[in-house]
PDB file of N, CA and C in Angstrom:
ATOM      1  N   MET A   1      17.662 -13.015   3.634  1.00  0.00           N
ATOM      2  CA  MET A   1      16.373 -12.842   3.028  1.00  0.00           C
ATOM      3  C   MET A   1      16.165 -11.352   2.726  1.00  0.00           C
ATOM      4  N   LYS A   2      15.697 -11.076   1.539  1.00  0.00           N
ATOM      5  CA  LYS A   2      15.462  -9.698   1.137  1.00  0.00           C
ATOM      6  C   LYS A   2      14.103  -9.227   1.640  1.00  0.00           C
ATOM      7  N   ARG A   3      14.081  -8.024   2.190  1.00  0.00           N
ATOM      8  CA  ARG A   3      12.828  -7.417   2.653  1.00  0.00           C
ATOM      9  C   ARG A   3      12.361  -6.416   1.609  1.00  0.00           C
ATOM     10  N   TYR A   4      11.114  -6.524   1.210  1.00  0.00           N
ATOM     11  CA  TYR A   4      10.546  -5.628   0.212  1.00  0.00           C
ATOM     12  C   TYR A   4       9.780  -4.512   0.909  1.00  0.00           C
ATOM     13  N   ARG A   5       9.951  -3.296   0.402  1.00  0.00           N
ATOM     14  CA  ARG A   5       9.235  -2.140   0.930  1.00  0.00           C
ATOM     15  C   ARG A   5       8.226  -1.671  -0.113  1.00  0.00           C
ATOM     16  N   PRO A   6       7.175  -0.999   0.330  1.00  0.00           N
ATOM     17  CA  PRO A   6       6.213  -0.468  -0.645  1.00  0.00           C
ATOM     18  C   PRO A   6       6.884   0.540  -1.581  1.00  0.00           C
ATOM     19  N   ASN A   7       6.405   0.590  -2.809  1.00  0.00           N
ATOM     20  CA  ASN A   7       6.931   1.502  -3.811  1.00  0.00           C
ATOM     21  C   ASN A   7       6.720   2.941  -3.342  1.00  0.00           C
ATOM     22  N   THR A   8       7.807   3.691  -3.200  1.00  0.00           N
ATOM     23  CA  THR A   8       7.739   5.046  -2.660  1.00  0.00           C
ATOM     24  C   THR A   8       6.905   5.965  -3.545  1.00  0.00           C
ATOM     25  N   LYS A   9       7.065   5.828  -4.854  1.00  0.00           N
ATOM     26  CA  LYS A   9       6.319   6.692  -5.772  1.00  0.00           C
ATOM     27  C   LYS A   9       4.814   6.444  -5.647  1.00  0.00           C
ATOM     28  N   ALA A  10       4.418   5.205  -5.544  1.00  0.00           N
ATOM     29  CA  ALA A  10       2.992   4.880  -5.410  1.00  0.00           C
ATOM     30  C   ALA A  10       2.438   5.390  -4.083  1.00  0.00           C
ATOM     31  N   VAL A  11       3.226   5.297  -3.030  1.00  0.00           N
ATOM     32  CA  VAL A  11       2.783   5.791  -1.724  1.00  0.00           C
ATOM     33  C   VAL A  11       2.601   7.305  -1.774  1.00  0.00           C
ATOM     34  N   LEU A  12       3.563   7.999  -2.373  1.00  0.00           N
ATOM     35  CA  LEU A  12       3.456   9.457  -2.480  1.00  0.00           C
ATOM     36  C   LEU A  12       2.247   9.873  -3.312  1.00  0.00           C
ATOM     37  N   ILE A  13       2.006   9.182  -4.417  1.00  0.00           N
ATOM     38  CA  ILE A  13       0.854   9.507  -5.255  1.00  0.00           C
ATOM     39  C   ILE A  13      -0.446   9.289  -4.481  1.00  0.00           C
ATOM     40  N   GLY A  14      -0.541   8.195  -3.732  1.00  0.00           N
ATOM     41  CA  GLY A  14      -1.732   7.925  -2.931  1.00  0.00           C
ATOM     42  C   GLY A  14      -1.969   8.989  -1.881  1.00  0.00           C
ATOM     43  N   ILE A  15      -0.905   9.397  -1.188  1.00  0.00           N
ATOM     44  CA  ILE A  15      -1.038  10.420  -0.152  1.00  0.00           C
ATOM     45  C   ILE A  15      -1.420  11.763  -0.778  1.00  0.00           C
ATOM     46  N   ILE A  16      -0.800  12.100  -1.904  1.00  0.00           N
ATOM     47  CA  ILE A  16      -1.114  13.370  -2.574  1.00  0.00           C
ATOM     48  C   ILE A  16      -2.567  13.387  -3.044  1.00  0.00           C
ATOM     49  N   LEU A  17      -3.052  12.267  -3.600  1.00  0.00           N
ATOM     50  CA  LEU A  17      -4.456  12.216  -4.019  1.00  0.00           C
ATOM     51  C   LEU A  17      -5.396  12.418  -2.833  1.00  0.00           C
ATOM     52  N   MET A  18      -5.055  11.801  -1.711  1.00  0.00           N
ATOM     53  CA  MET A  18      -5.902  11.963  -0.531  1.00  0.00           C
ATOM     54  C   MET A  18      -5.873  13.409  -0.021  1.00  0.00           C
ATOM     55  N   LEU A  19      -4.708  14.033  -0.043  1.00  0.00           N
ATOM     56  CA  LEU A  19      -4.610  15.420   0.401  1.00  0.00           C
ATOM     57  C   LEU A  19      -5.383  16.366  -0.523  1.00  0.00           C
ATOM     58  N   ILE A  20      -5.320  16.115  -1.832  1.00  0.00           N
ATOM     59  CA  ILE A  20      -6.087  16.929  -2.777  1.00  0.00           C
ATOM     60  C   ILE A  20      -7.580  16.747  -2.519  1.00  0.00           C
ATOM     61  N   GLY A  21      -8.007  15.516  -2.224  1.00  0.00           N
ATOM     62  CA  GLY A  21      -9.408  15.268  -1.891  1.00  0.00           C
ATOM     63  C   GLY A  21      -9.843  16.015  -0.640  1.00  0.00           C
ATOM     64  N   ILE A  22      -9.008  16.001   0.376  1.00  0.00           N
ATOM     65  CA  ILE A  22      -9.325  16.741   1.608  1.00  0.00           C
ATOM     66  C   ILE A  22      -9.355  18.237   1.326  1.00  0.00           C
ATOM     67  N   LEU A  23      -8.443  18.707   0.489  1.00  0.00           N
ATOM     68  CA  LEU A  23      -8.421  20.116   0.114  1.00  0.00           C
ATOM     69  C   LEU A  23      -9.718  20.509  -0.606  1.00  0.00           C
ATOM     70  N   CYS A  24     -10.210  19.640  -1.470  1.00  0.00           N
ATOM     71  CA  CYS A  24     -11.496  19.910  -2.138  1.00  0.00           C
ATOM     72  C   CYS A  24     -12.613  20.052  -1.118  1.00  0.00           C
ATOM     73  N   TRP A  25     -12.632  19.194  -0.113  1.00  0.00           N
ATOM     74  CA  TRP A  25     -13.659  19.278   0.925  1.00  0.00           C
ATOM     75  C   TRP A  25     -13.545  20.576   1.714  1.00  0.00           C
ATOM     76  N   VAL A  26     -12.293  20.963   2.061  1.00  0.00           N
ATOM     77  CA  VAL A  26     -12.092  22.189   2.838  1.00  0.00           C
ATOM     78  C   VAL A  26     -12.532  23.399   2.029  1.00  0.00           C
ATOM     79  N   ILE A  27     -12.181  23.431   0.740  1.00  0.00           N
ATOM     80  CA  ILE A  27     -12.607  24.540  -0.113  1.00  0.00           C
ATOM     81  C   ILE A  27     -14.132  24.597  -0.183  1.00  0.00           C
ATOM     82  N   LYS A  28     -14.747  23.439  -0.358  1.00  0.00           N
ATOM     83  CA  LYS A  28     -16.210  23.380  -0.456  1.00  0.00           C
ATOM     84  C   LYS A  28     -16.852  23.839   0.853  1.00  0.00           C
ATOM     85  N   ALA A  29     -16.347  23.396   1.975  1.00  0.00           N
ATOM     86  CA  ALA A  29     -16.965  23.697   3.265  1.00  0.00           C
ATOM     87  C   ALA A  29     -16.687  25.127   3.725  1.00  0.00           C
ATOM     88  N   SER A  30     -15.484  25.613   3.491  1.00  0.00           N
ATOM     89  CA  SER A  30     -15.096  26.897   4.052  1.00  0.00           C
ATOM     90  C   SER A  30     -15.374  28.082   3.127  1.00  0.00           C
ATOM     91  N   PHE A  31     -14.976  27.958   1.894  1.00  0.00           N
ATOM     92  CA  PHE A  31     -14.978  29.118   1.009  1.00  0.00           C
ATOM     93  C   PHE A  31     -16.196  29.209   0.094  1.00  0.00           C
ATOM     94  N   ILE A  32     -16.753  28.082  -0.309  1.00  0.00           N
ATOM     95  CA  ILE A  32     -17.886  28.077  -1.241  1.00  0.00           C
ATOM     96  C   ILE A  32     -18.981  27.179  -0.664  1.00  0.00           C
ATOM     97  N   PRO A  33     -19.660  27.618   0.389  1.00  0.00           N
ATOM     98  CA  PRO A  33     -20.645  26.713   1.014  1.00  0.00           C
ATOM     99  C   PRO A  33     -21.862  26.399   0.145  1.00  0.00           C
ATOM    100  N   LYS A  34     -22.295  27.328  -0.711  1.00  0.00           N
ATOM    101  CA  LYS A  34     -23.513  27.069  -1.484  1.00  0.00           C
ATOM    102  C   LYS A  34     -23.242  26.721  -2.942  1.00  0.00           C
ATOM    103  N   GLY A  35     -22.076  27.038  -3.445  1.00  0.00           N
ATOM    104  CA  GLY A  35     -21.774  26.769  -4.853  1.00  0.00           C
ATOM    105  C   GLY A  35     -20.755  25.650  -4.988  1.00  0.00           C
ATOM    106  N   ALA A  36     -20.364  25.380  -6.208  1.00  0.00           N
ATOM    107  CA  ALA A  36     -19.350  24.368  -6.542  1.00  0.00           C
ATOM    108  C   ALA A  36     -19.686  23.022  -5.913  1.00  0.00           C
ATOM    109  N   LEU A  37     -20.863  22.522  -6.207  1.00  0.00           N
ATOM    110  CA  LEU A  37     -21.308  21.258  -5.629  1.00  0.00           C
ATOM    111  C   LEU A  37     -20.469  20.070  -6.086  1.00  0.00           C
ATOM    112  N   TYR A  38     -19.757  20.220  -7.183  1.00  0.00           N
ATOM    113  CA  TYR A  38     -18.948  19.111  -7.705  1.00  0.00           C
ATOM    114  C   TYR A  38     -17.721  18.833  -6.843  1.00  0.00           C
ATOM    115  N   LEU A  39     -17.316  19.789  -5.986  1.00  0.00           N
ATOM    116  CA  LEU A  39     -16.109  19.586  -5.178  1.00  0.00           C
ATOM    117  C   LEU A  39     -16.270  18.466  -4.154  1.00  0.00           C
ATOM    118  N   PHE A  40     -17.456  18.304  -3.604  1.00  0.00           N
ATOM    119  CA  PHE A  40     -17.662  17.252  -2.596  1.00  0.00           C
ATOM    120  C   PHE A  40     -17.476  15.857  -3.192  1.00  0.00           C
ATOM    121  N   PRO A  41     -18.173  15.497  -4.289  1.00  0.00           N
ATOM    122  CA  PRO A  41     -17.962  14.147  -4.831  1.00  0.00           C
ATOM    123  C   PRO A  41     -16.573  13.958  -5.428  1.00  0.00           C
ATOM    124  N   VAL A  42     -15.993  15.012  -5.998  1.00  0.00           N
ATOM    125  CA  VAL A  42     -14.630  14.898  -6.539  1.00  0.00           C
ATOM    126  C   VAL A  42     -13.648  14.631  -5.404  1.00  0.00           C
ATOM    127  N   GLY A  43     -13.819  15.361  -4.299  1.00  0.00           N
ATOM    128  CA  GLY A  43     -12.946  15.140  -3.138  1.00  0.00           C
ATOM    129  C   GLY A  43     -13.085  13.743  -2.578  1.00  0.00           C
ATOM    130  N   LEU A  44     -14.307  13.276  -2.483  1.00  0.00           N
ATOM    131  CA  LEU A  44     -14.555  11.923  -1.983  1.00  0.00           C
ATOM    132  C   LEU A  44     -13.917  10.876  -2.902  1.00  0.00           C
ATOM    133  N   LEU A  45     -14.065  11.079  -4.196  1.00  0.00           N
ATOM    134  CA  LEU A  45     -13.476  10.155  -5.166  1.00  0.00           C
ATOM    135  C   LEU A  45     -11.951  10.142  -5.062  1.00  0.00           C
ATOM    136  N   LEU A  46     -11.347  11.321  -4.915  1.00  0.00           N
ATOM    137  CA  LEU A  46      -9.886  11.389  -4.794  1.00  0.00           C
ATOM    138  C   LEU A  46      -9.394  10.713  -3.522  1.00  0.00           C
ATOM    139  N   ILE A  47     -10.118  10.906  -2.427  1.00  0.00           N
ATOM    140  CA  ILE A  47      -9.729  10.250  -1.171  1.00  0.00           C
ATOM    141  C   ILE A  47      -9.823   8.735  -1.321  1.00  0.00           C
ATOM    142  N   CYS A  48     -10.891   8.262  -1.937  1.00  0.00           N
ATOM    143  CA  CYS A  48     -11.068   6.812  -2.122  1.00  0.00           C
ATOM    144  C   CYS A  48      -9.998   6.223  -3.043  1.00  0.00           C
ATOM    145  N   VAL A  49      -9.707   6.908  -4.135  1.00  0.00           N
ATOM    146  CA  VAL A  49      -8.690   6.410  -5.074  1.00  0.00           C
ATOM    147  C   VAL A  49      -7.317   6.405  -4.415  1.00  0.00           C
ATOM    148  N   GLY A  50      -6.993   7.455  -3.666  1.00  0.00           N
ATOM    149  CA  GLY A  50      -5.711   7.501  -2.957  1.00  0.00           C
ATOM    150  C   GLY A  50      -5.586   6.383  -1.931  1.00  0.00           C
ATOM    151  N   GLY A  51      -6.646   6.156  -1.169  1.00  0.00           N
ATOM    152  CA  GLY A  51      -6.627   5.073  -0.182  1.00  0.00           C
ATOM    153  C   GLY A  51      -6.533   3.704  -0.833  1.00  0.00           C
ATOM    154  N   LEU A  52      -7.223   3.539  -1.955  1.00  0.00           N
ATOM    155  CA  LEU A  52      -7.159   2.269  -2.677  1.00  0.00           C
ATOM    156  C   LEU A  52      -5.750   2.022  -3.213  1.00  0.00           C
ATOM    157  N   GLU A  53      -5.130   3.062  -3.712  1.00  0.00           N
ATOM    158  CA  GLU A  53      -3.762   2.913  -4.225  1.00  0.00           C
ATOM    159  C   GLU A  53      -2.797   2.548  -3.103  1.00  0.00           C
ATOM    160  N   LEU A  54      -2.948   3.166  -1.945  1.00  0.00           N
ATOM    161  CA  LEU A  54      -2.095   2.819  -0.800  1.00  0.00           C
ATOM    162  C   LEU A  54      -2.325   1.372  -0.368  1.00  0.00           C
ATOM    163  N   THR A  55      -3.580   0.957  -0.331  1.00  0.00           N
ATOM    164  CA  THR A  55      -3.901  -0.410   0.072  1.00  0.00           C
ATOM    165  C   THR A  55      -3.307  -1.431  -0.886  1.00  0.00           C
ATOM    166  N   ILE A  56      -3.455  -1.197  -2.174  1.00  0.00           N
ATOM    167  CA  ILE A  56      -2.912  -2.123  -3.166  1.00  0.00           C
ATOM    168  C   ILE A  56      -1.394  -2.179  -3.079  1.00  0.00           C
ATOM    169  N   THR A  57      -0.756  -1.030  -2.902  1.00  0.00           N
ATOM    170  CA  THR A  57       0.705  -0.980  -2.797  1.00  0.00           C
ATOM    171  C   THR A  57       1.193  -1.783  -1.594  1.00  0.00           C
ATOM    172  N   VAL A  58       0.502  -1.632  -0.471  1.00  0.00           N
ATOM    173  CA  VAL A  58       0.904  -2.363   0.738  1.00  0.00           C
ATOM    174  C   VAL A  58       0.675  -3.865   0.563  1.00  0.00           C
ATOM    175  N   PHE A  59      -0.435  -4.253  -0.063  1.00  0.00           N
ATOM    176  CA  PHE A  59      -0.683  -5.680  -0.281  1.00  0.00           C
ATOM    177  C   PHE A  59       0.357  -6.294  -1.214  1.00  0.00           C
ATOM    178  N   ILE A  60       0.787  -5.554  -2.224  1.00  0.00           N
ATOM    179  CA  ILE A  60       1.823  -6.069  -3.124  1.00  0.00           C
ATOM    180  C   ILE A  60       3.124  -6.282  -2.354  1.00  0.00           C
ATOM    181  N   ALA A  61       3.525  -5.304  -1.545  1.00  0.00           N
ATOM    182  CA  ALA A  61       4.753  -5.443  -0.757  1.00  0.00           C
ATOM    183  C   ALA A  61       4.630  -6.591   0.242  1.00  0.00           C
ATOM    184  N   MET A  62       3.448  -6.735   0.860  1.00  0.00           N
ATOM    185  CA  MET A  62       3.240  -7.807   1.825  1.00  0.00           C
ATOM    186  C   MET A  62       3.330  -9.173   1.145  1.00  0.00           C
ATOM    187  N   ARG A  63       2.768  -9.285  -0.047  1.00  0.00           N
ATOM    188  CA  ARG A  63       2.815 -10.549  -0.785  1.00  0.00           C
ATOM    189  C   ARG A  63       4.249 -10.903  -1.179  1.00  0.00           C
ATOM    190  N   LYS A  64       5.021  -9.905  -1.616  1.00  0.00           N
ATOM    191  CA  LYS A  64       6.422 -10.161  -1.957  1.00  0.00           C
ATOM    192  C   LYS A  64       7.205 -10.622  -0.729  1.00  0.00           C
ATOM    193  N   ASN A  65       6.959  -9.983   0.422  1.00  0.00           N
ATOM    194  CA  ASN A  65       7.633 -10.394   1.657  1.00  0.00           C
ATOM    195  C   ASN A  65       7.214 -11.800   2.056  1.00  0.00           C
ATOM    196  N   ASP A  66       5.950 -12.122   1.852  1.00  0.00           N
ATOM    197  CA  ASP A  66       5.443 -13.454   2.166  1.00  0.00           C
ATOM    198  C   ASP A  66       6.142 -14.514   1.311  1.00  0.00           C
ATOM    199  N   LEU A  67       6.246 -14.258   0.016  1.00  0.00           N
ATOM    200  CA  LEU A  67       6.911 -15.213  -0.875  1.00  0.00           C
ATOM    201  C   LEU A  67       8.389 -15.357  -0.532  1.00  0.00           C
ATOM    202  N   ALA A  68       9.053 -14.248  -0.200  1.00  0.00           N
ATOM    203  CA  ALA A  68      10.468 -14.306   0.162  1.00  0.00           C
ATOM    204  C   ALA A  68      10.661 -15.099   1.453  1.00  0.00           C
ATOM    205  N   MET A  69       9.789 -14.880   2.426  1.00  0.00           N
ATOM    206  CA  MET A  69       9.890 -15.619   3.690  1.00  0.00           C
ATOM    207  C   MET A  69       9.613 -17.096   3.476  1.00  0.00           C
ATOM    208  N   SER A  70       8.654 -17.414   2.640  1.00  0.00           N
ATOM    209  CA  SER A  70       8.338 -18.807   2.345  1.00  0.00           C
ATOM    210  C   SER A  70       9.533 -19.511   1.700  1.00  0.00           C
ATOM    211  N   ALA A  71      10.161 -18.848   0.732  1.00  0.00           N
ATOM    212  CA  ALA A  71      11.342 -19.429   0.080  1.00  0.00           C
ATOM    213  C   ALA A  71      12.482 -19.598   1.081  1.00  0.00           C
ATOM    214  N   HIS A  72      12.640 -18.625   1.973  1.00  0.00           N
ATOM    215  CA  HIS A  72      13.694 -18.696   2.986  1.00  0.00           C
ATOM    216  C   HIS A  72      13.442 -19.861   3.945  1.00  0.00           C
ATOM    217  N   LEU A  73      12.204 -20.044   4.366  1.00  0.00           N
ATOM    218  CA  LEU A  73      11.881 -21.143   5.275  1.00  0.00           C
ATOM    219  C   LEU A  73      12.054 -22.499   4.603  1.00  0.00           C
ATOM    220  N   LYS A  74      11.698 -22.589   3.311  1.00  0.00           N
ATOM    221  CA  LYS A  74      11.907 -23.831   2.573  1.00  0.00           C
ATOM    222  C   LYS A  74      13.389 -24.154   2.470  1.00  0.00           C
ATOM    223  N   GLU A  75      14.195 -23.129   2.269  1.00  0.00           N
ATOM    224  CA  GLU A  75      15.644 -23.323   2.181  1.00  0.00           C
ATOM    225  C   GLU A  75      16.203 -23.812   3.517  1.00  0.00           C
ATOM    226  N   ILE A  76      15.745 -23.234   4.613  1.00  0.00           N
ATOM    227  CA  ILE A  76      16.192 -23.668   5.940  1.00  0.00           C
ATOM    228  C   ILE A  76      15.753 -25.100   6.211  1.00  0.00           C
ATOM    229  N   GLU A  77      14.525 -25.435   5.840  1.00  0.00           N
ATOM    230  CA  GLU A  77      14.011 -26.795   6.035  1.00  0.00           C
ATOM    231  C   GLU A  77      14.816 -27.806   5.229  1.00  0.00           C
ATOM    232  N   ALA A  78      15.181 -27.440   3.999  1.00  0.00           N
ATOM    233  CA  ALA A  78      15.984 -28.340   3.163  1.00  0.00           C
ATOM    234  C   ALA A  78      17.364 -28.541   3.767  1.00  0.00           C
ATOM    235  N   GLN A  79      17.959 -27.482   4.303  1.00  0.00           N
ATOM    236  CA  GLN A  79      19.272 -27.611   4.941  1.00  0.00           C
ATOM    237  C   GLN A  79      19.187 -28.478   6.187  1.00  0.00           C
ATOM    238  N   ARG A  80      18.099 -28.335   6.941  1.00  0.00           N
ATOM    239  CA  ARG A  80      17.923 -29.136   8.156  1.00  0.00           C
ATOM    240  C   ARG A  80      17.762 -30.613   7.813  1.00  0.00           C
ATOM    241  N   LYS A  81      16.964 -30.911   6.774  1.00  0.00           N
ATOM    242  CA  LYS A  81      16.794 -32.302   6.359  1.00  0.00           C
ATOM    243  C   LYS A  81      18.092 -32.877   5.834  1.00  0.00           C
ATOM    244  N   LYS A  82      18.862 -32.055   5.124  1.00  0.00           N
ATOM    245  CA  LYS A  82      20.146 -32.521   4.599  1.00  0.00           C
ATOM    246  C   LYS A  82      21.107 -32.830   5.742  1.00  0.00           C
ATOM    247  N   ALA A  83      21.094 -31.978   6.788  1.00  0.00           N
ATOM    248  CA  ALA A  83      21.952 -32.215   7.941  1.00  0.00           C
ATOM    249  C   ALA A  83      21.518 -33.461   8.701  1.00  0.00           C
ATOM    250  N   GLU A  84      20.209 -33.702   8.815  1.00  0.00           N
ATOM    251  CA  GLU A  84      19.715 -34.913   9.479  1.00  0.00           C
ATOM    252  C   GLU A  84      20.086 -36.160   8.681  1.00  0.00           C
ATOM    253  N   GLY A  85      20.075 -36.052   7.376  1.00  0.00           N
ATOM    254  CA  GLY A  85      20.431 -37.184   6.523  1.00  0.00           C
ATOM    255  C   GLY A  85      21.892 -37.560   6.679  1.00  0.00           C
ATOM    256  N   LYS A  86      22.756 -36.594   6.865  1.00  0.00           N
ATOM    257  CA  LYS A  86      24.193 -36.865   7.048  1.00  0.00           C
ATOM    258  C   LYS A  86      24.476 -37.498   8.406  1.00  0.00           C
ATOM    259  N   LYS A  87      23.698 -37.119   9.426  1.00  0.00           N
ATOM    260  CA  LYS A  87      23.913 -37.669  10.762  1.00  0.00           C
ATOM    261  C   LYS A  87      23.561 -39.145  10.817  1.00  0.00           C
ATOM    262  N   GLU A  88      22.550 -39.533  10.043  1.00  0.00           N
ATOM    263  CA  GLU A  88      22.111 -40.939  10.088  1.00  0.00           C
ATOM    264  C   GLU A  88      22.991 -41.736   9.206  1.00  0.00           C
TER     265      GLU A  88
END
């Protein structure tokens, strides 16, 4: 049975987006406390988009693994029934 892994490029993009979002927050909090008000919502949006991309990527990989396991179990069940049919 083939095991599917999450797409590496999508995972990296999600992590990078989240890191850029955190960087926006750090810049806003540390270096520009009273100005650049747009950095807070932009950072929040980037963190959310990065997390959403990671979640979708993991669900796609999980679904592929689920389908592969289901097909594998059906194949084993068919072989078992075929073996029982030969015994009788």
